[in-house]
Amino acid sequence: MPDKPIVLLTNAMHPDGEAILAPHVRLIVPPDAQPETLREWAKDADGIIVRAKLPDDIVEHAPRLKGIVRHGVGLDFIPVAAATARGIAVANLPGSNTNAVAEYVMSALMHLRRPLYRLDKSLRSEGWNAARPAADNLTELSGSVLGILGVGTIGRRVATIASRGFGMTVLGTSRRKGSLPAGIEGVSLRDLFARSDAITVCCALTDETRGMVSRDLIGRMRPHAVLVNVSRGAVIETPALIDALRSRKIGGAALDVFDVQPLPSDDALFDCQNLLLTPHTAGITATSGRAMAVGSAEEMLRILRGEQPLNLVNPAYKAA
């Protein structure tokens, strides 16, 4: 009997996904996801399921590689062009964590607008009479304006929750006139930043969007406005955001993604007030984790069987 194909998991995933793979492949999980470690462990891999960024030259170190599957959506972790040139299929799981990210956005907005943890902390440490007046300055989401930069699958889900659930007015930008769904007012990028009480960045990182949230756009935000980024760190001009937070020119921000990940412990962002920081977990819940594990396992088995994956992202590749 021939040996089972080897599938490298850059990180362990939900047991239900591993259980789907286990009868058909040999699973290997490296001790860490450092570039040199992944290069070494990929040398015998027939497939890679990706939860951490792969080195740009990973395909040069994996001569047996047939497929790469993203445990999630974003493709910036995978050298797609290099894989395509080698005839390696690349697949991802669009929609697998949409609801998790959308709920994160709304949770972040609630944290910034109505931080209940502060009232709890004050009540416990200072008492009822000290804590209660702090609520006088908190604001509601209802009736406010939300601007969405990147009205794709996640942006549309955020819009639905914000408008139907919280009664927010929703603005959006699109390169194609008339492509926005009903209920989202199309505006220019400058107007979106100038008119919104809250802005969420949901677009993919591309050459066009890199640095798109510039110092000029941040400077157009209202003094009480807040910014939530669930895209990629490089979409925002981070020094400009730090300046705006430190000088209190904007009301606050929530960041789940950063220019450098993991975020260095001495990063200037840690010194900013009214800033919520989370370690790239917007799309991670037990619910989405299982969905991504099962989906990526099924896609990997399709590739290893010589079938075309359901969500092929490099059309130049063709199944054998």
Protein backbone atom coordinates (compact mmCIF):
# COMPACT_ATOMS: atom_id res chain seq x y z
CA MET A 1 0.00 0.00 0.00
CA PRO A 2 1.43 3.43 -0.92
CA ASP A 3 2.29 5.85 1.86
CA LYS A 4 -0.36 8.37 2.81
CA PRO A 5 0.20 11.90 1.50
CA ILE A 6 1.59 14.33 4.07
CA VAL A 7 -0.37 17.44 5.01
CA LEU A 8 1.39 20.19 6.93
CA LEU A 9 -0.75 22.27 9.29
CA THR A 10 1.04 25.53 10.05
CA ASN A 11 -0.92 25.48 13.31
CA ALA A 12 -3.18 22.91 14.93
CA MET A 13 -6.85 23.31 14.04
CA HIS A 14 -10.26 22.19 15.32
CA PRO A 15 -10.33 18.43 15.99
CA ASP A 16 -13.28 17.92 13.63
CA GLY A 17 -11.14 19.11 10.72
CA GLU A 18 -8.22 16.92 11.72
CA ALA A 19 -10.59 13.96 12.05
CA ILE A 20 -11.70 14.38 8.44
CA LEU A 21 -8.09 14.32 7.25
CA ALA A 22 -6.64 11.65 9.54
CA PRO A 23 -7.90 8.53 7.71
CA HIS A 24 -6.48 9.75 4.40
CA VAL A 25 -3.27 11.66 5.16
CA ARG A 26 -0.42 11.92 7.63
CA LEU A 27 -0.75 15.17 9.53
CA ILE A 28 2.32 17.05 10.70
CA VAL A 29 2.37 20.20 12.85
CA PRO A 30 5.66 22.08 13.32
CA PRO A 31 6.73 23.36 16.75
CA ASP A 32 6.36 26.96 15.58
CA ALA A 33 5.46 28.94 12.47
CA GLN A 34 8.78 30.70 11.92
CA PRO A 35 9.82 30.91 8.23
CA GLU A 36 12.82 28.63 8.61
CA THR A 37 10.73 26.05 10.46
CA LEU A 38 8.01 26.03 7.81
CA ARG A 39 10.59 25.67 5.03
CA GLU A 40 12.09 22.63 6.74
CA TRP A 41 8.79 20.93 7.52
CA ALA A 42 7.37 21.57 4.03
CA LYS A 43 10.05 19.55 2.23
CA ASP A 44 7.97 16.34 2.22
CA ALA A 45 4.50 17.92 2.27
CA ASP A 46 1.91 17.15 -0.38
CA GLY A 47 -0.43 19.81 1.01
CA ILE A 48 -0.32 22.76 3.39
CA ILE A 49 -3.24 24.17 5.39
CA VAL A 50 -2.39 27.75 6.27
CA ARG A 51 -3.10 29.64 9.49
CA ALA A 52 0.21 31.53 9.60
CA LYS A 53 2.08 33.44 6.90
CA LEU A 54 4.10 31.21 4.61
CA PRO A 55 7.56 32.31 3.47
CA ASP A 56 7.42 33.82 -0.01
CA ASP A 57 9.76 31.06 -1.25
CA ILE A 58 7.91 28.15 0.37
CA VAL A 59 7.19 26.38 -2.95
CA GLU A 60 10.92 26.20 -3.65
CA HIS A 61 11.29 24.11 -0.49
CA ALA A 62 8.30 21.82 -1.12
CA PRO A 63 8.92 19.76 -4.29
CA ARG A 64 5.96 17.42 -3.63
CA LEU A 65 3.44 20.14 -2.98
CA LYS A 66 0.09 19.79 -4.78
CA GLY A 67 -2.13 22.20 -2.90
CA ILE A 68 -2.30 25.03 -0.39
CA VAL A 69 -5.54 25.76 1.44
CA ARG A 70 -6.16 28.87 3.50
CA HIS A 71 -7.80 28.14 6.83
CA GLY A 72 -9.86 31.30 6.36
CA VAL A 73 -10.16 33.95 3.67
CA GLY A 74 -7.19 36.33 3.36
CA LEU A 75 -4.61 35.31 0.78
CA ASP A 76 -1.76 37.55 1.89
CA PHE A 77 -0.38 34.58 3.86
CA ILE A 78 0.16 32.61 0.63
CA PRO A 79 2.51 33.28 -2.34
CA VAL A 80 -0.28 32.67 -4.86
CA ALA A 81 1.68 33.65 -7.98
CA ALA A 82 4.59 31.35 -7.12
CA ALA A 83 2.20 28.48 -6.41
CA THR A 84 0.38 29.03 -9.70
CA ALA A 85 3.65 29.01 -11.62
CA ARG A 86 4.44 25.62 -10.09
CA GLY A 87 0.99 24.17 -10.87
CA ILE A 88 -0.02 24.15 -7.21
CA ALA A 89 -3.71 24.68 -6.44
CA VAL A 90 -4.60 27.40 -3.93
CA ALA A 91 -8.00 27.50 -2.26
CA ASN A 92 -9.61 29.55 0.49
CA LEU A 93 -12.91 29.59 2.37
CA PRO A 94 -14.90 32.73 1.53
CA GLY A 95 -17.65 33.40 4.04
CA SER A 96 -16.33 30.98 6.66
CA ASN A 97 -15.70 33.67 9.27
CA THR A 98 -17.92 36.48 7.94
CA ASN A 99 -20.28 36.52 10.89
CA ALA A 100 -17.47 36.31 13.44
CA VAL A 101 -15.73 39.36 11.95
CA ALA A 102 -18.97 41.32 11.59
CA GLU A 103 -19.87 40.64 15.22
CA TYR A 104 -16.37 41.73 16.24
CA VAL A 105 -16.89 45.06 14.46
CA MET A 106 -20.12 45.70 16.34
CA SER A 107 -18.56 44.57 19.64
CA ALA A 108 -15.67 46.97 19.08
CA LEU A 109 -18.06 49.82 18.36
CA MET A 110 -19.98 49.06 21.54
CA HIS A 111 -16.69 48.93 23.46
CA LEU A 112 -15.69 52.34 22.15
CA ARG A 113 -19.09 53.98 22.55
CA ARG A 114 -20.36 52.37 25.74
CA PRO A 115 -17.47 50.71 27.60
CA LEU A 116 -19.39 48.87 30.31
CA TYR A 117 -16.19 47.41 31.73
CA ARG A 118 -15.26 50.90 32.94
CA LEU A 119 -18.54 51.25 34.81
CA ASP A 120 -18.02 47.80 36.33
CA LYS A 121 -14.48 48.66 37.39
CA SER A 122 -15.56 51.98 38.88
CA LEU A 123 -18.52 50.45 40.70
CA ARG A 124 -16.29 47.80 42.27
CA SER A 125 -13.48 50.18 43.27
CA GLU A 126 -15.23 53.51 43.93
CA GLY A 127 -18.86 52.66 44.61
CA TRP A 128 -22.30 53.33 43.13
CA ASN A 129 -22.32 57.13 43.36
CA ALA A 130 -18.93 57.46 41.68
CA ALA A 131 -19.68 55.05 38.87
CA ARG A 132 -23.17 56.10 37.85
CA PRO A 133 -22.39 59.63 36.54
CA ALA A 134 -19.83 58.20 34.08
CA ALA A 135 -22.72 56.93 31.94
CA ASP A 136 -23.85 60.50 31.25
CA ASN A 137 -21.16 60.96 28.61
CA LEU A 138 -21.64 57.66 26.77
CA THR A 139 -23.35 57.64 23.39
CA GLU A 140 -25.60 55.24 21.48
CA LEU A 141 -25.05 53.67 18.08
CA SER A 142 -28.67 54.18 17.08
CA GLY A 143 -29.11 57.18 14.81
CA SER A 144 -25.38 57.54 14.12
CA VAL A 145 -23.57 57.11 10.79
CA LEU A 146 -21.37 54.13 9.99
CA GLY A 147 -18.94 54.29 7.07
CA ILE A 148 -17.78 51.00 5.58
CA LEU A 149 -14.56 50.90 3.57
CA GLY A 150 -14.76 47.63 1.67
CA VAL A 151 -18.35 46.57 1.05
CA GLY A 152 -17.64 42.92 0.31
CA THR A 153 -19.03 39.90 2.11
CA ILE A 154 -17.98 41.12 5.55
CA GLY A 155 -18.84 44.76 4.87
CA ARG A 156 -22.34 43.81 3.74
CA ARG A 157 -22.93 41.70 6.83
CA VAL A 158 -21.77 44.59 9.03
CA ALA A 159 -24.14 46.91 7.16
CA THR A 160 -27.08 44.58 7.77
CA ILE A 161 -26.41 44.31 11.50
CA ALA A 162 -25.74 48.04 11.87
CA SER A 163 -28.80 49.23 9.96
CA ARG A 164 -31.39 46.62 10.91
CA GLY A 165 -30.15 45.85 14.39
CA PHE A 166 -28.94 49.23 15.63
CA GLY A 167 -30.73 51.72 13.39
CA MET A 168 -27.53 53.21 11.99
CA THR A 169 -27.26 55.04 8.69
CA VAL A 170 -24.69 53.27 6.52
CA LEU A 171 -22.33 54.82 3.98
CA GLY A 172 -20.05 52.91 1.65
CA THR A 173 -17.60 53.34 -1.20
CA SER A 174 -17.41 51.40 -4.44
CA ARG A 175 -15.36 51.71 -7.62
CA ARG A 176 -18.40 50.59 -9.64
CA LYS A 177 -21.35 52.96 -9.67
CA GLY A 178 -24.57 51.34 -8.56
CA SER A 179 -22.91 48.19 -7.17
CA LEU A 180 -23.73 48.84 -3.51
CA PRO A 181 -26.69 46.96 -2.04
CA ALA A 182 -29.88 48.72 -1.01
CA GLY A 183 -29.57 50.51 2.29
CA ILE A 184 -25.98 51.65 1.77
CA GLU A 185 -25.47 55.17 0.47
CA GLY A 186 -22.58 55.40 -1.97
CA VAL A 187 -20.19 58.25 -1.25
CA SER A 188 -16.63 59.24 -2.06
CA LEU A 189 -13.83 58.13 0.23
CA ARG A 190 -13.34 61.68 1.50
CA ASP A 191 -17.05 62.10 2.26
CA LEU A 192 -17.14 58.74 4.03
CA PHE A 193 -14.45 59.86 6.46
CA ALA A 194 -15.89 63.35 6.87
CA ARG A 195 -19.52 62.29 7.47
CA SER A 196 -19.21 59.10 9.52
CA ASP A 197 -19.44 58.82 13.28
CA ALA A 198 -17.75 55.42 13.03
CA ILE A 199 -15.69 53.87 10.23
CA THR A 200 -14.85 50.21 9.75
CA VAL A 201 -12.13 49.08 7.37
CA CYS A 202 -13.06 45.72 5.79
CA CYS A 203 -11.28 45.78 2.41
CA ALA A 204 -8.64 43.35 1.21
CA LEU A 205 -4.99 44.41 1.20
CA THR A 206 -3.89 45.13 -2.37
CA ASP A 207 -1.45 47.51 -4.03
CA GLU A 208 -4.39 49.89 -4.40
CA THR A 209 -5.53 49.74 -0.77
CA ARG A 210 -2.10 49.78 0.88
CA GLY A 211 -1.92 53.03 2.85
CA MET A 212 -5.39 54.03 1.64
CA VAL A 213 -6.44 55.27 5.08
CA SER A 214 -3.99 58.13 4.87
CA ARG A 215 -3.14 61.05 7.12
CA ASP A 216 -5.39 63.21 4.95
CA LEU A 217 -8.41 60.92 5.41
CA ILE A 218 -7.83 60.48 9.14
CA GLY A 219 -7.61 64.26 9.37
CA ARG A 220 -11.11 64.52 7.89
CA MET A 221 -12.67 62.45 10.67
CA ARG A 222 -14.95 64.13 13.19
CA PRO A 223 -13.48 64.69 16.68
CA HIS A 224 -15.83 62.10 18.19
CA ALA A 225 -15.50 59.58 15.34
CA VAL A 226 -13.97 56.14 15.87
CA LEU A 227 -12.15 53.75 13.52
CA VAL A 228 -12.23 49.92 13.51
CA ASN A 229 -9.77 47.94 11.37
CA VAL A 230 -10.45 44.28 10.58
CA SER A 231 -8.67 44.41 7.21
CA ARG A 232 -4.86 44.42 7.36
CA GLY A 233 -2.55 46.75 9.24
CA ALA A 234 -0.93 48.14 6.09
CA VAL A 235 -4.23 49.59 4.85
CA ILE A 236 -3.90 52.31 7.50
CA GLU A 237 -1.09 54.85 7.76
CA THR A 238 -0.34 53.85 11.34
CA PRO A 239 1.82 56.84 12.38
CA ALA A 240 -1.02 59.16 11.34
CA LEU A 241 -3.51 57.18 13.42
CA ILE A 242 -1.17 57.27 16.43
CA ASP A 243 -0.86 61.05 16.08
CA ALA A 244 -4.64 61.44 15.87
CA LEU A 245 -5.20 59.32 18.98
CA ARG A 246 -2.49 61.01 21.03
CA SER A 247 -3.71 64.49 20.14
CA ARG A 248 -7.34 63.39 20.67
CA LYS A 249 -8.32 64.57 17.20
CA ILE A 250 -10.54 61.47 16.91
CA GLY A 251 -12.66 59.68 19.47
CA GLY A 252 -10.88 56.32 19.45
CA ALA A 253 -10.03 53.21 17.48
CA ALA A 254 -10.02 49.42 17.58
CA LEU A 255 -7.30 47.46 15.78
CA ASP A 256 -7.23 43.71 15.23
CA VAL A 257 -4.47 43.78 12.59
CA PHE A 258 -1.07 45.46 12.48
CA ASP A 259 1.87 46.33 10.24
CA VAL A 260 4.01 43.80 12.11
CA GLN A 261 2.51 40.68 13.66
CA PRO A 262 2.85 39.66 16.44
CA LEU A 263 2.67 43.26 17.63
CA PRO A 264 6.02 44.13 19.29
CA SER A 265 5.73 44.76 23.03
CA ASP A 266 7.36 48.19 22.65
CA ASP A 267 5.08 49.36 19.83
CA ALA A 268 3.88 52.95 20.10
CA LEU A 269 0.27 51.80 19.82
CA PHE A 270 0.41 50.54 23.41
CA ASP A 271 0.81 54.12 24.61
CA CYS A 272 -2.35 55.40 22.88
CA GLN A 273 -5.46 56.15 24.90
CA ASN A 274 -8.94 55.02 23.89
CA LEU A 275 -7.51 52.30 21.67
CA LEU A 276 -8.70 48.70 21.74
CA LEU A 277 -6.04 46.20 20.67
CA THR A 278 -6.72 42.53 19.88
CA PRO A 279 -4.29 39.93 18.43
CA HIS A 280 -5.84 39.27 14.98
CA THR A 281 -8.78 37.37 16.45
CA ALA A 282 -11.77 39.07 14.80
CA GLY A 283 -12.52 35.97 12.74
CA ILE A 284 -11.72 33.46 15.47
CA THR A 285 -14.49 31.87 17.50
CA ALA A 286 -15.21 28.24 18.33
CA THR A 287 -17.97 28.38 15.70
CA SER A 288 -15.87 29.82 12.89
CA GLY A 289 -12.84 27.72 13.89
CA ARG A 290 -14.75 24.52 13.33
CA ALA A 291 -16.20 25.77 10.03
CA MET A 292 -12.76 26.75 8.75
CA ALA A 293 -11.15 23.49 9.87
CA VAL A 294 -13.82 21.32 8.26
CA GLY A 295 -13.87 23.42 5.09
CA SER A 296 -10.10 23.46 4.66
CA ALA A 297 -9.86 19.70 5.32
CA GLU A 298 -12.48 18.95 2.66
CA GLU A 299 -10.81 21.24 0.14
CA MET A 300 -7.42 19.64 0.78
CA LEU A 301 -8.82 16.15 0.18
CA ARG A 302 -10.35 17.29 -3.12
CA ILE A 303 -6.97 18.60 -4.27
CA LEU A 304 -5.13 15.44 -3.22
CA ARG A 305 -7.68 13.34 -5.13
CA GLY A 306 -6.92 15.36 -8.26
CA GLU A 307 -10.21 17.23 -8.16
CA GLN A 308 -10.65 20.98 -8.49
CA PRO A 309 -11.39 22.63 -5.14
CA LEU A 310 -14.70 24.41 -4.71
CA ASN A 311 -13.02 27.76 -4.01
CA LEU A 312 -10.02 27.80 -6.34
CA VAL A 313 -8.31 31.20 -6.24
CA ASN A 314 -5.64 30.72 -8.92
CA PRO A 315 -7.55 30.03 -12.16
CA ALA A 316 -4.32 29.42 -14.07
CA TYR A 317 -4.04 26.14 -12.15
CA LYS A 318 -5.95 23.18 -13.60
CA ALA A 319 -6.61 19.90 -11.83
CA ALA A 320 -4.73 16.95 -13.22
